[in-house]
């Protein structure tokens, strides 16, 4: 299952920009930014696990 999940991950440029902005603009730690992005985008990453 782990390998299948990795092959389904598909971040757009916009998604990566949103993640980077949380750190670079909002000055969040990487851990806090990741937690926020995951919480705000559950529908996106949940699709990677199916």
N, C-alpha and C. Protein backbone atom coordinates (compact mmCIF):
# COMPACT_ATOMS: atom_id res chain seq x y z
N UNK A 1 0.82 -1.20 0.00
CA UNK A 1 0.00 0.00 0.00
C UNK A 1 0.86 1.26 0.00
N UNK A 2 1.99 1.24 0.70
CA UNK A 2 2.82 2.43 0.80
C UNK A 2 3.30 2.88 -0.58
N UNK A 3 3.76 1.96 -1.42
CA UNK A 3 4.25 2.32 -2.74
C UNK A 3 3.10 2.87 -3.59
N UNK A 4 1.93 2.29 -3.48
CA UNK A 4 0.79 2.80 -4.24
C UNK A 4 0.45 4.23 -3.84
N UNK A 5 0.54 4.54 -2.57
CA UNK A 5 0.27 5.90 -2.12
C UNK A 5 1.27 6.87 -2.71
N UNK A 6 2.54 6.52 -2.70
CA UNK A 6 3.56 7.42 -3.25
C UNK A 6 3.32 7.69 -4.73
N UNK A 7 2.84 6.73 -5.47
CA UNK A 7 2.61 6.94 -6.89
C UNK A 7 1.38 7.80 -7.15
N UNK A 8 0.51 7.95 -6.16
CA UNK A 8 -0.71 8.76 -6.31
C UNK A 8 -0.51 10.21 -5.89
N UNK A 9 0.56 10.50 -5.19
CA UNK A 9 0.79 11.87 -4.73
C UNK A 9 1.06 12.77 -5.93
N UNK A 10 0.32 13.86 -6.00
CA UNK A 10 0.44 14.77 -7.14
C UNK A 10 0.13 16.19 -6.68
N UNK A 11 1.15 16.89 -6.20
CA UNK A 11 0.99 18.26 -5.76
C UNK A 11 1.12 19.20 -6.95
N UNK A 12 0.20 20.13 -7.09
CA UNK A 12 0.29 21.14 -8.14
C UNK A 12 1.25 22.24 -7.70
N UNK A 13 1.64 23.06 -8.63
CA UNK A 13 2.50 24.20 -8.32
C UNK A 13 1.81 25.11 -7.31
N UNK A 14 0.52 25.30 -7.46
CA UNK A 14 -0.23 26.14 -6.53
C UNK A 14 -0.24 25.59 -5.12
N UNK A 15 -0.38 24.27 -4.99
CA UNK A 15 -0.36 23.64 -3.67
C UNK A 15 0.99 23.84 -3.00
N UNK A 16 2.05 23.64 -3.75
CA UNK A 16 3.40 23.82 -3.20
C UNK A 16 3.61 25.27 -2.80
N UNK A 17 3.08 26.19 -3.60
CA UNK A 17 3.17 27.61 -3.26
C UNK A 17 2.43 27.93 -1.97
N UNK A 18 1.26 27.31 -1.78
CA UNK A 18 0.51 27.52 -0.54
C UNK A 18 1.31 27.03 0.66
N UNK A 19 1.91 25.87 0.51
CA UNK A 19 2.71 25.32 1.60
C UNK A 19 3.90 26.22 1.91
N UNK A 20 4.58 26.67 0.88
CA UNK A 20 5.76 27.52 1.07
C UNK A 20 5.37 28.86 1.70
N UNK A 21 4.23 29.39 1.30
CA UNK A 21 3.78 30.68 1.85
C UNK A 21 3.54 30.60 3.35
N UNK A 22 3.06 29.47 3.83
CA UNK A 22 2.84 29.33 5.26
C UNK A 22 4.14 29.50 6.04
N UNK A 23 5.24 29.04 5.46
CA UNK A 23 6.54 29.16 6.12
C UNK A 23 7.16 30.52 5.82
N UNK A 24 7.22 30.88 4.54
CA UNK A 24 7.95 32.08 4.13
C UNK A 24 7.23 33.38 4.45
N UNK A 25 5.93 33.41 4.29
CA UNK A 25 5.18 34.65 4.51
C UNK A 25 4.57 34.70 5.90
N UNK A 26 3.95 33.59 6.30
CA UNK A 26 3.29 33.55 7.60
C UNK A 26 4.23 33.20 8.74
N UNK A 27 5.48 32.87 8.40
CA UNK A 27 6.54 32.59 9.39
C UNK A 27 6.20 31.42 10.32
N UNK A 28 5.48 30.43 9.80
CA UNK A 28 5.17 29.24 10.59
C UNK A 28 6.36 28.28 10.52
N UNK A 29 6.48 27.44 11.52
CA UNK A 29 7.49 26.38 11.45
C UNK A 29 7.04 25.39 10.37
N UNK A 30 7.98 24.59 9.88
CA UNK A 30 7.62 23.59 8.87
C UNK A 30 6.57 22.62 9.42
N UNK A 31 6.72 22.24 10.67
CA UNK A 31 5.78 21.30 11.28
C UNK A 31 4.39 21.91 11.39
N UNK A 32 4.31 23.16 11.84
CA UNK A 32 3.01 23.82 11.98
C UNK A 32 2.38 24.07 10.61
N UNK A 33 3.20 24.43 9.64
CA UNK A 33 2.69 24.66 8.28
C UNK A 33 2.14 23.37 7.70
N UNK A 34 2.85 22.28 7.90
CA UNK A 34 2.38 20.98 7.40
C UNK A 34 1.06 20.60 8.06
N UNK A 35 0.96 20.78 9.36
CA UNK A 35 -0.27 20.44 10.07
C UNK A 35 -1.44 21.29 9.57
N UNK A 36 -1.20 22.57 9.36
CA UNK A 36 -2.25 23.47 8.86
C UNK A 36 -2.67 23.08 7.46
N UNK A 37 -1.69 22.83 6.58
CA UNK A 37 -2.02 22.47 5.21
C UNK A 37 -2.81 21.17 5.18
N UNK A 38 -2.39 20.19 5.96
CA UNK A 38 -3.11 18.91 6.00
C UNK A 38 -4.54 19.10 6.51
N UNK A 39 -4.71 19.91 7.54
CA UNK A 39 -6.05 20.15 8.09
C UNK A 39 -6.94 20.89 7.09
N UNK A 40 -6.37 21.84 6.37
CA UNK A 40 -7.13 22.65 5.42
C UNK A 40 -7.40 21.94 4.11
N UNK A 41 -6.66 20.87 3.82
CA UNK A 41 -6.74 20.21 2.51
C UNK A 41 -6.94 18.71 2.63
N UNK A 42 -7.73 18.31 3.60
CA UNK A 42 -7.94 16.89 3.84
C UNK A 42 -8.48 16.17 2.61
N UNK A 43 -9.36 16.83 1.86
CA UNK A 43 -9.91 16.19 0.67
C UNK A 43 -8.83 15.90 -0.37
N UNK A 44 -7.81 16.74 -0.44
CA UNK A 44 -6.72 16.54 -1.40
C UNK A 44 -5.88 15.34 -1.01
N UNK A 45 -5.35 15.33 0.21
CA UNK A 45 -4.41 14.27 0.56
C UNK A 45 -5.11 12.95 0.83
N UNK A 46 -6.38 12.99 1.22
CA UNK A 46 -7.12 11.75 1.41
C UNK A 46 -7.21 10.98 0.09
N UNK A 47 -7.34 11.69 -1.01
CA UNK A 47 -7.42 11.04 -2.33
C UNK A 47 -6.14 10.28 -2.66
N UNK A 48 -5.01 10.74 -2.13
CA UNK A 48 -3.74 10.05 -2.38
C UNK A 48 -3.68 8.70 -1.69
N UNK A 49 -4.49 8.50 -0.68
CA UNK A 49 -4.41 7.26 0.12
C UNK A 49 -5.41 6.20 -0.33
N UNK A 50 -6.21 6.52 -1.30
CA UNK A 50 -7.25 5.57 -1.77
C UNK A 50 -6.78 4.82 -2.98
